N, C-alpha and C. Protein backbone atom coordinates (compact mmCIF):
# COMPACT_ATOMS: atom_id res chain seq x y z
N MET A 1 -29.51 17.24 34.71
CA MET A 1 -29.36 15.78 34.63
C MET A 1 -27.93 15.38 34.94
N PHE A 2 -27.78 14.29 35.65
CA PHE A 2 -26.46 13.81 36.01
C PHE A 2 -25.97 12.83 34.94
N ARG A 3 -24.74 13.07 34.53
CA ARG A 3 -24.15 12.17 33.56
C ARG A 3 -23.60 10.93 34.25
N LYS A 4 -23.64 9.82 33.54
CA LYS A 4 -23.11 8.59 34.08
C LYS A 4 -21.59 8.67 34.15
N PRO A 5 -21.01 8.39 35.32
CA PRO A 5 -19.54 8.53 35.44
C PRO A 5 -18.82 7.57 34.50
N ASP A 6 -17.70 8.05 34.02
CA ASP A 6 -16.88 7.23 33.14
C ASP A 6 -16.08 6.23 33.98
N PRO A 7 -16.16 4.93 33.67
CA PRO A 7 -15.41 3.95 34.47
C PRO A 7 -13.91 4.20 34.46
N LYS A 8 -13.38 4.66 33.34
CA LYS A 8 -11.94 4.93 33.27
C LYS A 8 -11.55 6.06 34.21
N GLN A 9 -12.36 7.10 34.24
CA GLN A 9 -12.06 8.22 35.13
C GLN A 9 -12.18 7.79 36.59
N GLN A 10 -13.18 6.95 36.89
CA GLN A 10 -13.32 6.45 38.26
C GLN A 10 -12.11 5.64 38.68
N MET A 11 -11.62 4.79 37.78
CA MET A 11 -10.45 3.99 38.11
C MET A 11 -9.24 4.87 38.35
N ARG A 12 -9.05 5.89 37.52
CA ARG A 12 -7.91 6.80 37.73
C ARG A 12 -8.04 7.55 39.04
N GLN A 13 -9.25 7.98 39.38
CA GLN A 13 -9.46 8.70 40.62
C GLN A 13 -9.18 7.81 41.83
N GLN A 14 -9.64 6.59 41.79
CA GLN A 14 -9.37 5.66 42.88
C GLN A 14 -7.89 5.36 43.02
N ARG A 15 -7.21 5.24 41.88
CA ARG A 15 -5.77 4.98 41.94
C ARG A 15 -5.03 6.17 42.56
N ARG A 16 -5.45 7.38 42.23
CA ARG A 16 -4.82 8.56 42.83
C ARG A 16 -5.06 8.61 44.34
N GLU A 17 -6.28 8.27 44.76
CA GLU A 17 -6.58 8.28 46.18
C GLU A 17 -5.78 7.23 46.93
N LEU A 18 -5.66 6.04 46.34
CA LEU A 18 -4.86 5.00 46.98
C LEU A 18 -3.40 5.42 47.08
N GLY A 19 -2.88 6.04 46.03
CA GLY A 19 -1.50 6.50 46.07
C GLY A 19 -1.29 7.56 47.13
N ARG A 20 -2.24 8.48 47.26
CA ARG A 20 -2.11 9.52 48.30
C ARG A 20 -2.18 8.90 49.69
N THR A 21 -3.08 7.96 49.92
CA THR A 21 -3.18 7.29 51.23
C THR A 21 -1.91 6.53 51.55
N GLN A 22 -1.36 5.86 50.55
CA GLN A 22 -0.13 5.09 50.76
C GLN A 22 1.02 6.01 51.12
N ARG A 23 1.11 7.17 50.51
CA ARG A 23 2.17 8.12 50.85
C ARG A 23 2.00 8.64 52.29
N ASP A 24 0.75 8.90 52.69
CA ASP A 24 0.50 9.36 54.06
C ASP A 24 0.91 8.29 55.07
N MET A 25 0.57 7.05 54.78
CA MET A 25 0.95 5.96 55.68
C MET A 25 2.46 5.82 55.78
N THR A 26 3.14 6.01 54.69
CA THR A 26 4.61 5.91 54.70
C THR A 26 5.20 7.00 55.58
N ARG A 27 4.64 8.21 55.50
CA ARG A 27 5.13 9.30 56.35
C ARG A 27 4.86 9.00 57.83
N GLU A 28 3.71 8.41 58.12
CA GLU A 28 3.40 8.07 59.52
C GLU A 28 4.38 7.02 60.05
N VAL A 29 4.69 6.03 59.22
CA VAL A 29 5.64 5.00 59.66
C VAL A 29 7.01 5.61 59.90
N GLN A 30 7.44 6.51 59.07
CA GLN A 30 8.73 7.17 59.27
C GLN A 30 8.75 7.98 60.57
N ALA A 31 7.63 8.65 60.87
CA ALA A 31 7.55 9.40 62.13
C ALA A 31 7.62 8.47 63.34
N LEU A 32 6.95 7.31 63.26
CA LEU A 32 7.01 6.34 64.35
C LEU A 32 8.42 5.79 64.52
N GLU A 33 9.13 5.60 63.43
CA GLU A 33 10.50 5.11 63.54
C GLU A 33 11.39 6.15 64.23
N ARG A 34 11.16 7.42 63.99
CA ARG A 34 11.94 8.46 64.69
C ARG A 34 11.63 8.44 66.19
N GLN A 35 10.34 8.30 66.51
CA GLN A 35 9.96 8.22 67.92
C GLN A 35 10.56 6.97 68.58
N GLU A 36 10.61 5.88 67.80
CA GLU A 36 11.18 4.65 68.33
C GLU A 36 12.64 4.84 68.71
N LYS A 37 13.39 5.52 67.85
CA LYS A 37 14.80 5.76 68.16
C LYS A 37 14.94 6.66 69.39
N GLN A 38 14.08 7.64 69.52
CA GLN A 38 14.14 8.53 70.69
C GLN A 38 13.85 7.76 71.98
N LEU A 39 12.83 6.88 71.96
CA LEU A 39 12.51 6.11 73.15
C LEU A 39 13.66 5.16 73.51
N GLU A 40 14.28 4.56 72.50
CA GLU A 40 15.42 3.68 72.78
C GLU A 40 16.54 4.45 73.47
N ALA A 41 16.77 5.68 72.99
CA ALA A 41 17.81 6.50 73.61
C ALA A 41 17.44 6.88 75.05
N GLN A 42 16.17 7.19 75.29
CA GLN A 42 15.73 7.55 76.63
C GLN A 42 15.80 6.36 77.59
N ILE A 43 15.48 5.16 77.06
CA ILE A 43 15.58 3.97 77.90
C ILE A 43 17.03 3.74 78.30
N GLN A 44 17.97 3.89 77.36
CA GLN A 44 19.39 3.71 77.67
C GLN A 44 19.85 4.75 78.70
N LYS A 45 19.36 5.96 78.57
CA LYS A 45 19.76 7.01 79.49
C LYS A 45 19.24 6.73 80.90
N ALA A 46 17.95 6.31 80.99
CA ALA A 46 17.37 6.01 82.31
C ALA A 46 18.07 4.82 82.94
N ALA A 47 18.45 3.83 82.13
CA ALA A 47 19.13 2.66 82.67
C ALA A 47 20.50 3.05 83.21
N LYS A 48 21.21 3.94 82.54
CA LYS A 48 22.51 4.38 83.01
C LYS A 48 22.38 5.14 84.33
N GLN A 49 21.28 5.86 84.46
CA GLN A 49 21.06 6.62 85.68
C GLN A 49 20.54 5.74 86.81
N GLY A 50 20.20 4.53 86.47
CA GLY A 50 19.69 3.60 87.50
C GLY A 50 18.23 3.83 87.82
N ASN A 51 17.53 4.54 86.97
CA ASN A 51 16.11 4.83 87.19
C ASN A 51 15.29 3.76 86.48
N LYS A 52 15.06 2.68 87.21
CA LYS A 52 14.37 1.54 86.61
C LYS A 52 12.92 1.85 86.28
N GLN A 53 12.25 2.59 87.11
CA GLN A 53 10.83 2.89 86.87
C GLN A 53 10.64 3.71 85.60
N LEU A 54 11.52 4.71 85.39
CA LEU A 54 11.43 5.52 84.19
C LEU A 54 11.77 4.70 82.95
N ALA A 55 12.74 3.84 83.08
CA ALA A 55 13.13 2.99 81.95
C ALA A 55 11.99 2.05 81.59
N THR A 56 11.28 1.54 82.65
CA THR A 56 10.14 0.66 82.38
C THR A 56 9.03 1.41 81.67
N THR A 57 8.78 2.63 82.05
CA THR A 57 7.74 3.44 81.40
C THR A 57 8.07 3.67 79.93
N TYR A 58 9.32 4.02 79.69
CA TYR A 58 9.74 4.22 78.29
C TYR A 58 9.64 2.90 77.49
N ALA A 59 9.95 1.82 78.15
CA ALA A 59 9.90 0.52 77.48
C ALA A 59 8.47 0.17 77.08
N LYS A 60 7.49 0.46 77.97
CA LYS A 60 6.09 0.22 77.63
C LYS A 60 5.67 1.07 76.44
N GLN A 61 6.09 2.31 76.43
CA GLN A 61 5.76 3.20 75.29
C GLN A 61 6.39 2.68 73.98
N LEU A 62 7.61 2.15 74.13
CA LEU A 62 8.28 1.61 72.94
C LEU A 62 7.54 0.41 72.37
N VAL A 63 7.07 -0.48 73.27
CA VAL A 63 6.31 -1.66 72.82
C VAL A 63 5.03 -1.23 72.11
N SER A 64 4.32 -0.28 72.68
CA SER A 64 3.07 0.20 72.08
C SER A 64 3.34 0.85 70.73
N LEU A 65 4.44 1.62 70.66
CA LEU A 65 4.79 2.29 69.40
C LEU A 65 5.12 1.28 68.32
N ARG A 66 5.85 0.24 68.71
CA ARG A 66 6.22 -0.78 67.72
C ARG A 66 4.98 -1.55 67.23
N LYS A 67 4.04 -1.80 68.09
CA LYS A 67 2.79 -2.44 67.66
C LYS A 67 2.05 -1.56 66.66
N GLN A 68 2.03 -0.25 66.98
CA GLN A 68 1.35 0.68 66.07
C GLN A 68 2.04 0.73 64.72
N LYS A 69 3.36 0.70 64.75
CA LYS A 69 4.12 0.73 63.50
C LYS A 69 3.87 -0.54 62.69
N ALA A 70 3.78 -1.68 63.35
CA ALA A 70 3.52 -2.94 62.65
C ALA A 70 2.14 -2.91 61.99
N LYS A 71 1.16 -2.36 62.73
CA LYS A 71 -0.18 -2.25 62.15
C LYS A 71 -0.18 -1.35 60.92
N MET A 72 0.51 -0.24 61.01
CA MET A 72 0.53 0.69 59.88
C MET A 72 1.27 0.08 58.69
N LEU A 73 2.32 -0.68 58.98
CA LEU A 73 3.03 -1.35 57.87
C LEU A 73 2.11 -2.38 57.20
N GLY A 74 1.32 -3.08 58.03
CA GLY A 74 0.38 -4.04 57.45
C GLY A 74 -0.68 -3.36 56.60
N VAL A 75 -1.21 -2.22 57.10
CA VAL A 75 -2.21 -1.48 56.33
C VAL A 75 -1.59 -0.95 55.03
N ASN A 76 -0.36 -0.46 55.14
CA ASN A 76 0.32 0.07 53.95
C ASN A 76 0.54 -1.02 52.92
N SER A 77 0.86 -2.22 53.40
CA SER A 77 1.03 -3.34 52.48
C SER A 77 -0.29 -3.70 51.79
N LYS A 78 -1.39 -3.66 52.54
CA LYS A 78 -2.69 -3.94 51.93
C LYS A 78 -3.07 -2.87 50.91
N ILE A 79 -2.76 -1.63 51.22
CA ILE A 79 -3.05 -0.55 50.27
C ILE A 79 -2.26 -0.74 48.98
N SER A 80 -1.01 -1.16 49.14
CA SER A 80 -0.18 -1.42 47.96
C SER A 80 -0.79 -2.55 47.12
N GLY A 81 -1.30 -3.59 47.80
CA GLY A 81 -1.94 -4.68 47.07
C GLY A 81 -3.20 -4.24 46.35
N VAL A 82 -4.00 -3.40 47.03
CA VAL A 82 -5.21 -2.89 46.39
C VAL A 82 -4.87 -2.02 45.18
N SER A 83 -3.81 -1.24 45.30
CA SER A 83 -3.38 -0.40 44.18
C SER A 83 -2.97 -1.26 42.99
N HIS A 84 -2.25 -2.33 43.28
CA HIS A 84 -1.85 -3.24 42.20
C HIS A 84 -3.07 -3.89 41.55
N GLN A 85 -4.03 -4.32 42.39
CA GLN A 85 -5.25 -4.91 41.83
C GLN A 85 -6.03 -3.90 40.99
N THR A 86 -6.01 -2.66 41.40
CA THR A 86 -6.70 -1.62 40.63
C THR A 86 -6.06 -1.46 39.26
N LYS A 87 -4.74 -1.50 39.22
CA LYS A 87 -4.06 -1.40 37.92
C LYS A 87 -4.40 -2.59 37.03
N VAL A 88 -4.46 -3.79 37.65
CA VAL A 88 -4.81 -4.99 36.87
C VAL A 88 -6.22 -4.88 36.34
N MET A 89 -7.14 -4.39 37.19
CA MET A 89 -8.53 -4.23 36.75
C MET A 89 -8.64 -3.22 35.62
N GLU A 90 -7.88 -2.14 35.71
CA GLU A 90 -7.90 -1.14 34.64
C GLU A 90 -7.38 -1.72 33.33
N ALA A 91 -6.31 -2.52 33.43
CA ALA A 91 -5.79 -3.17 32.22
C ALA A 91 -6.81 -4.13 31.63
N ASN A 92 -7.51 -4.87 32.51
CA ASN A 92 -8.54 -5.79 32.02
C ASN A 92 -9.69 -5.03 31.36
N MET A 93 -10.04 -3.88 31.91
CA MET A 93 -11.10 -3.07 31.31
C MET A 93 -10.69 -2.57 29.92
N LYS A 94 -9.44 -2.16 29.79
CA LYS A 94 -8.96 -1.72 28.48
C LYS A 94 -9.00 -2.87 27.48
N MET A 95 -8.56 -4.06 27.95
CA MET A 95 -8.57 -5.22 27.07
C MET A 95 -9.99 -5.59 26.67
N ALA A 96 -10.93 -5.52 27.65
CA ALA A 96 -12.32 -5.83 27.34
C ALA A 96 -12.90 -4.82 26.35
N GLY A 97 -12.53 -3.55 26.51
CA GLY A 97 -13.00 -2.54 25.55
C GLY A 97 -12.47 -2.79 24.15
N ALA A 98 -11.19 -3.17 24.07
CA ALA A 98 -10.61 -3.47 22.76
C ALA A 98 -11.29 -4.68 22.13
N MET A 99 -11.57 -5.70 22.94
CA MET A 99 -12.25 -6.88 22.42
C MET A 99 -13.68 -6.56 21.98
N ALA A 100 -14.34 -5.67 22.72
CA ALA A 100 -15.69 -5.28 22.33
C ALA A 100 -15.68 -4.54 20.99
N SER A 101 -14.71 -3.64 20.81
CA SER A 101 -14.61 -2.92 19.54
C SER A 101 -14.31 -3.88 18.39
N THR A 102 -13.40 -4.83 18.65
CA THR A 102 -13.06 -5.81 17.62
C THR A 102 -14.26 -6.68 17.26
N ALA A 103 -15.02 -7.10 18.29
CA ALA A 103 -16.20 -7.92 18.03
C ALA A 103 -17.24 -7.14 17.22
N LYS A 104 -17.36 -5.85 17.49
CA LYS A 104 -18.30 -5.02 16.75
C LYS A 104 -17.90 -4.93 15.28
N VAL A 105 -16.62 -4.72 15.04
CA VAL A 105 -16.13 -4.64 13.65
C VAL A 105 -16.33 -5.98 12.94
N MET A 106 -16.02 -7.07 13.63
CA MET A 106 -16.19 -8.38 13.02
C MET A 106 -17.66 -8.66 12.71
N GLY A 107 -18.56 -8.22 13.61
CA GLY A 107 -19.97 -8.39 13.34
C GLY A 107 -20.43 -7.63 12.12
N THR A 108 -19.90 -6.40 11.97
CA THR A 108 -20.26 -5.60 10.79
C THR A 108 -19.77 -6.26 9.52
N VAL A 109 -18.53 -6.77 9.55
CA VAL A 109 -17.97 -7.43 8.37
C VAL A 109 -18.76 -8.69 8.03
N ASN A 110 -19.10 -9.47 9.06
CA ASN A 110 -19.86 -10.70 8.81
C ASN A 110 -21.25 -10.39 8.27
N ALA A 111 -21.83 -9.28 8.72
CA ALA A 111 -23.16 -8.92 8.22
C ALA A 111 -23.11 -8.51 6.75
N GLN A 112 -22.02 -7.88 6.34
CA GLN A 112 -21.89 -7.45 4.94
C GLN A 112 -21.43 -8.57 4.02
N MET A 113 -20.87 -9.62 4.57
CA MET A 113 -20.30 -10.68 3.76
C MET A 113 -21.35 -11.77 3.53
N ASN A 114 -21.50 -12.18 2.24
CA ASN A 114 -22.41 -13.24 1.86
C ASN A 114 -21.58 -14.42 1.37
N PRO A 115 -21.44 -15.46 2.18
CA PRO A 115 -20.56 -16.58 1.77
C PRO A 115 -20.99 -17.25 0.48
N GLN A 116 -22.30 -17.44 0.30
CA GLN A 116 -22.78 -18.09 -0.92
C GLN A 116 -22.47 -17.26 -2.15
N GLN A 117 -22.68 -15.95 -2.03
CA GLN A 117 -22.38 -15.08 -3.17
C GLN A 117 -20.89 -15.06 -3.48
N MET A 118 -20.07 -15.05 -2.44
CA MET A 118 -18.62 -15.08 -2.66
C MET A 118 -18.20 -16.38 -3.33
N ALA A 119 -18.81 -17.51 -2.91
CA ALA A 119 -18.47 -18.79 -3.53
C ALA A 119 -18.88 -18.81 -5.00
N ALA A 120 -20.07 -18.26 -5.29
CA ALA A 120 -20.52 -18.20 -6.68
C ALA A 120 -19.61 -17.30 -7.52
N THR A 121 -19.19 -16.19 -6.94
CA THR A 121 -18.28 -15.29 -7.65
C THR A 121 -16.95 -15.96 -7.96
N MET A 122 -16.42 -16.70 -6.99
CA MET A 122 -15.14 -17.38 -7.19
C MET A 122 -15.27 -18.48 -8.25
N GLN A 123 -16.41 -19.19 -8.24
CA GLN A 123 -16.62 -20.22 -9.26
C GLN A 123 -16.73 -19.60 -10.66
N ALA A 124 -17.45 -18.46 -10.74
CA ALA A 124 -17.57 -17.77 -12.03
C ALA A 124 -16.20 -17.28 -12.51
N PHE A 125 -15.41 -16.77 -11.60
CA PHE A 125 -14.07 -16.31 -11.96
C PHE A 125 -13.23 -17.46 -12.48
N GLU A 126 -13.31 -18.61 -11.79
CA GLU A 126 -12.52 -19.77 -12.23
C GLU A 126 -12.99 -20.26 -13.60
N ARG A 127 -14.31 -20.23 -13.82
CA ARG A 127 -14.84 -20.69 -15.10
C ARG A 127 -14.41 -19.77 -16.24
N GLU A 128 -14.53 -18.47 -16.03
CA GLU A 128 -14.12 -17.51 -17.08
C GLU A 128 -12.62 -17.56 -17.31
N SER A 129 -11.87 -17.80 -16.25
CA SER A 129 -10.41 -17.90 -16.41
C SER A 129 -10.06 -19.11 -17.26
N ALA A 130 -10.77 -20.23 -17.03
CA ALA A 130 -10.52 -21.42 -17.85
C ALA A 130 -10.87 -21.16 -19.32
N LYS A 131 -11.99 -20.44 -19.56
CA LYS A 131 -12.35 -20.10 -20.94
C LYS A 131 -11.28 -19.24 -21.59
N MET A 132 -10.77 -18.29 -20.84
CA MET A 132 -9.74 -17.41 -21.39
C MET A 132 -8.48 -18.18 -21.73
N ASP A 133 -8.12 -19.14 -20.86
CA ASP A 133 -6.94 -19.96 -21.15
C ASP A 133 -7.13 -20.78 -22.42
N MET A 134 -8.35 -21.35 -22.59
CA MET A 134 -8.62 -22.15 -23.79
C MET A 134 -8.57 -21.28 -25.03
N SER A 135 -9.16 -20.07 -24.96
CA SER A 135 -9.14 -19.17 -26.11
C SER A 135 -7.71 -18.78 -26.47
N GLU A 136 -6.93 -18.48 -25.45
CA GLU A 136 -5.54 -18.09 -25.69
C GLU A 136 -4.76 -19.24 -26.34
N GLU A 137 -5.02 -20.47 -25.90
CA GLU A 137 -4.33 -21.63 -26.47
C GLU A 137 -4.72 -21.85 -27.93
N MET A 138 -6.03 -21.67 -28.23
CA MET A 138 -6.48 -21.82 -29.61
C MET A 138 -5.87 -20.76 -30.52
N ILE A 139 -5.84 -19.54 -30.04
CA ILE A 139 -5.24 -18.45 -30.83
C ILE A 139 -3.76 -18.72 -31.08
N SER A 140 -3.07 -19.19 -30.03
CA SER A 140 -1.64 -19.47 -30.19
C SER A 140 -1.40 -20.58 -31.20
N ASP A 141 -2.25 -21.63 -31.16
CA ASP A 141 -2.11 -22.73 -32.13
C ASP A 141 -2.36 -22.24 -33.56
N THR A 142 -3.38 -21.40 -33.71
CA THR A 142 -3.69 -20.87 -35.05
C THR A 142 -2.55 -20.02 -35.58
N LEU A 143 -2.00 -19.16 -34.73
CA LEU A 143 -0.89 -18.31 -35.16
C LEU A 143 0.32 -19.15 -35.52
N GLU A 144 0.59 -20.18 -34.73
CA GLU A 144 1.74 -21.02 -35.04
C GLU A 144 1.55 -21.74 -36.37
N SER A 145 0.30 -22.19 -36.64
CA SER A 145 0.03 -22.87 -37.92
C SER A 145 0.22 -21.93 -39.10
N VAL A 146 -0.30 -20.71 -38.96
CA VAL A 146 -0.15 -19.74 -40.06
C VAL A 146 1.31 -19.38 -40.28
N LEU A 147 2.02 -19.17 -39.20
CA LEU A 147 3.42 -18.78 -39.33
C LEU A 147 4.24 -19.92 -39.90
N ASP A 148 3.92 -21.16 -39.54
CA ASP A 148 4.67 -22.30 -40.08
C ASP A 148 4.45 -22.41 -41.59
N ASP A 149 3.17 -22.26 -42.07
CA ASP A 149 2.90 -22.32 -43.51
C ASP A 149 3.63 -21.22 -44.26
N SER A 150 3.62 -20.04 -43.69
CA SER A 150 4.32 -18.92 -44.33
C SER A 150 5.81 -19.19 -44.39
N ALA A 151 6.34 -19.78 -43.32
CA ALA A 151 7.78 -20.07 -43.32
C ALA A 151 8.12 -21.14 -44.35
N ASP A 152 7.25 -22.17 -44.49
CA ASP A 152 7.50 -23.20 -45.50
C ASP A 152 7.47 -22.61 -46.90
N GLU A 153 6.50 -21.71 -47.16
CA GLU A 153 6.40 -21.10 -48.49
C GLU A 153 7.62 -20.25 -48.79
N GLU A 154 8.07 -19.49 -47.79
CA GLU A 154 9.26 -18.67 -47.99
C GLU A 154 10.48 -19.54 -48.24
N GLU A 155 10.56 -20.66 -47.53
CA GLU A 155 11.71 -21.55 -47.72
C GLU A 155 11.69 -22.18 -49.12
N SER A 156 10.48 -22.55 -49.59
CA SER A 156 10.37 -23.12 -50.94
C SER A 156 10.79 -22.12 -52.00
N GLU A 157 10.33 -20.87 -51.86
CA GLU A 157 10.73 -19.84 -52.81
C GLU A 157 12.23 -19.62 -52.79
N SER A 158 12.82 -19.68 -51.62
CA SER A 158 14.26 -19.49 -51.52
C SER A 158 15.02 -20.61 -52.24
N VAL A 159 14.52 -21.86 -52.09
CA VAL A 159 15.17 -22.99 -52.76
C VAL A 159 15.07 -22.86 -54.26
N VAL A 160 13.87 -22.48 -54.76
CA VAL A 160 13.69 -22.30 -56.21
C VAL A 160 14.62 -21.22 -56.73
N SER A 161 14.71 -20.10 -56.00
CA SER A 161 15.60 -19.02 -56.46
C SER A 161 17.04 -19.48 -56.48
N GLN A 162 17.43 -20.27 -55.48
CA GLN A 162 18.81 -20.75 -55.42
C GLN A 162 19.10 -21.69 -56.60
N VAL A 163 18.13 -22.57 -56.92
CA VAL A 163 18.32 -23.51 -58.04
C VAL A 163 18.44 -22.75 -59.35
N LEU A 164 17.57 -21.77 -59.55
CA LEU A 164 17.61 -20.99 -60.79
C LEU A 164 18.93 -20.24 -60.90
N ASP A 165 19.41 -19.71 -59.78
CA ASP A 165 20.70 -19.01 -59.79
C ASP A 165 21.82 -19.98 -60.15
N GLU A 166 21.79 -21.19 -59.59
CA GLU A 166 22.83 -22.17 -59.90
C GLU A 166 22.79 -22.56 -61.37
N ILE A 167 21.57 -22.72 -61.94
CA ILE A 167 21.44 -23.05 -63.36
C ILE A 167 22.02 -21.95 -64.22
N GLY A 168 21.72 -20.70 -63.88
CA GLY A 168 22.25 -19.58 -64.65
C GLY A 168 23.76 -19.54 -64.60
N ILE A 169 24.33 -19.83 -63.43
CA ILE A 169 25.80 -19.84 -63.31
C ILE A 169 26.40 -20.96 -64.13
N GLU A 170 25.78 -22.14 -64.13
CA GLU A 170 26.31 -23.29 -64.88
C GLU A 170 26.28 -23.02 -66.38
N ILE A 171 25.17 -22.45 -66.88
CA ILE A 171 25.07 -22.15 -68.32
C ILE A 171 26.09 -21.11 -68.73
N SER A 172 26.26 -20.09 -67.89
CA SER A 172 27.23 -19.05 -68.23
C SER A 172 28.62 -19.63 -68.28
N GLY A 173 28.90 -20.57 -67.37
CA GLY A 173 30.23 -21.18 -67.38
C GLY A 173 30.46 -22.02 -68.61
N LYS A 174 29.44 -22.77 -69.07
CA LYS A 174 29.61 -23.60 -70.26
C LYS A 174 29.81 -22.73 -71.49
N LEU A 175 29.10 -21.65 -71.61
CA LEU A 175 29.24 -20.76 -72.76
C LEU A 175 30.60 -20.10 -72.79
N SER A 176 31.12 -19.76 -71.59
CA SER A 176 32.42 -19.10 -71.56
C SER A 176 33.54 -20.07 -71.93
N GLU A 177 33.33 -21.39 -71.71
CA GLU A 177 34.36 -22.36 -72.03
C GLU A 177 34.33 -22.77 -73.51
N ALA A 178 33.26 -22.48 -74.24
CA ALA A 178 33.17 -22.87 -75.67
C ALA A 178 34.16 -22.09 -76.51
N PRO A 179 34.74 -22.70 -77.66
CA PRO A 179 35.72 -21.99 -78.53
C PRO A 179 35.05 -20.82 -79.23
N ALA A 180 35.85 -19.80 -79.51
CA ALA A 180 35.31 -18.59 -80.15
C ALA A 180 34.94 -18.87 -81.59
N ALA A 181 35.70 -19.73 -82.30
CA ALA A 181 35.41 -19.99 -83.72
C ALA A 181 34.09 -20.69 -83.86
N SER A 182 33.81 -21.64 -83.00
CA SER A 182 32.55 -22.37 -83.10
C SER A 182 31.39 -21.43 -82.88
N ARG A 183 31.53 -20.53 -81.95
CA ARG A 183 30.42 -19.60 -81.69
C ARG A 183 30.21 -18.66 -82.86
N SER A 184 31.29 -18.25 -83.52
CA SER A 184 31.12 -17.32 -84.66
C SER A 184 30.64 -18.05 -85.90
N ALA A 185 31.02 -19.38 -86.05
CA ALA A 185 30.64 -20.10 -87.26
C ALA A 185 29.19 -20.52 -87.19
N LEU A 186 28.75 -20.97 -86.01
CA LEU A 186 27.38 -21.50 -85.90
C LEU A 186 26.63 -20.74 -84.80
N PRO A 187 26.26 -19.55 -85.06
CA PRO A 187 25.57 -18.77 -84.03
C PRO A 187 24.20 -19.32 -83.73
N SER A 188 23.51 -19.78 -84.74
CA SER A 188 22.14 -20.25 -84.49
C SER A 188 22.15 -21.53 -83.70
N THR A 189 23.13 -22.45 -83.99
CA THR A 189 23.21 -23.72 -83.27
C THR A 189 23.54 -23.52 -81.80
N ALA A 190 24.46 -22.61 -81.50
CA ALA A 190 24.84 -22.32 -80.10
C ALA A 190 23.67 -21.76 -79.34
N SER A 191 22.94 -20.89 -80.00
CA SER A 191 21.78 -20.29 -79.34
C SER A 191 20.73 -21.33 -79.05
N LYS A 192 20.54 -22.26 -80.02
CA LYS A 192 19.54 -23.31 -79.82
C LYS A 192 19.98 -24.27 -78.71
N SER A 193 21.30 -24.60 -78.73
CA SER A 193 21.81 -25.47 -77.66
C SER A 193 21.63 -24.85 -76.30
N ARG A 194 21.87 -23.57 -76.20
CA ARG A 194 21.72 -22.86 -74.91
C ARG A 194 20.28 -22.90 -74.45
N SER A 195 19.37 -22.71 -75.41
CA SER A 195 17.96 -22.73 -75.04
C SER A 195 17.55 -24.11 -74.59
N THR A 196 18.04 -25.16 -75.26
CA THR A 196 17.69 -26.53 -74.90
C THR A 196 18.24 -26.89 -73.52
N VAL A 197 19.45 -26.53 -73.23
CA VAL A 197 20.06 -26.82 -71.92
C VAL A 197 19.31 -26.11 -70.81
N THR A 198 18.95 -24.95 -71.02
CA THR A 198 18.26 -24.16 -69.99
C THR A 198 16.92 -24.78 -69.65
N ASP A 199 16.15 -25.18 -70.62
CA ASP A 199 14.83 -25.77 -70.37
C ASP A 199 14.97 -27.12 -69.67
N ASP A 200 15.89 -27.95 -70.13
CA ASP A 200 16.06 -29.26 -69.50
C ASP A 200 16.50 -29.15 -68.04
N ASP A 201 17.43 -28.25 -67.82
CA ASP A 201 17.91 -28.09 -66.44
C ASP A 201 16.81 -27.58 -65.53
N ILE A 202 16.03 -26.66 -66.02
CA ILE A 202 14.93 -26.11 -65.19
C ILE A 202 13.94 -27.19 -64.87
N GLU A 203 13.56 -28.00 -65.88
CA GLU A 203 12.59 -29.06 -65.63
C GLU A 203 13.15 -30.09 -64.66
N ARG A 204 14.41 -30.41 -64.82
CA ARG A 204 15.01 -31.39 -63.93
C ARG A 204 15.04 -30.88 -62.47
N GLN A 205 15.41 -29.64 -62.29
CA GLN A 205 15.46 -29.09 -60.93
C GLN A 205 14.10 -28.97 -60.30
N LEU A 206 13.11 -28.57 -61.11
CA LEU A 206 11.73 -28.46 -60.59
C LEU A 206 11.17 -29.83 -60.22
N ALA A 207 11.51 -30.86 -61.06
CA ALA A 207 11.06 -32.22 -60.73
C ALA A 207 11.69 -32.67 -59.40
N ALA A 208 12.94 -32.30 -59.19
CA ALA A 208 13.61 -32.65 -57.95
C ALA A 208 12.95 -31.96 -56.76
N LEU A 209 12.48 -30.75 -56.96
CA LEU A 209 11.79 -30.01 -55.89
C LEU A 209 10.48 -30.65 -55.53
N ARG A 210 9.78 -31.14 -56.59
CA ARG A 210 8.47 -31.77 -56.31
C ARG A 210 8.63 -33.08 -55.54
N ASP A 211 9.77 -33.72 -55.75
CA ASP A 211 9.99 -34.99 -55.03
C ASP A 211 10.37 -34.78 -53.58
N LEU A 212 10.67 -33.52 -53.15
CA LEU A 212 11.08 -33.25 -51.77
C LEU A 212 9.92 -33.46 -50.80
């Protein structure tokens, strides 16, 4: 069985053949140019010798040679143009092949992609994301409320401790300023006075705290 020829290989083969033909034509033109110079020299020589008939014969050969050279140059120019067109066609074939491969991949992707399902998935994601944001906000508010209450309670306890400490310092100072004789003469009265001052001060400070 014969295999179907590869278009790329055919294009390369044709380009090689055109290049070989163009090189052959170039060599032929160079050979004609050498013959042209020889005929010009022979015409000059015959003219110097006064041999008009021989000079005319060489001149006819020169005209024919130059016509042949012009034809070959024209053919060589056409071959060069065909070679250029072949390269352009090969580039277009490569581009068409790349586009065909890209279109095939895009078709496969489009076949696997479901726009409606993707839209539903994106909507579900947005909905769940909104729920998560709301839950996070509620948790943050709850934590802030709990922490604020705890901070208020700690601050209240600190104020009470500070007041009690100040009361203790004030009572100690009053007792240290009292005369020694009075304390030794009336021990029970001093003790009772101390107890009365302590209770009154505590009640007064606590009442002040409740009014805050």
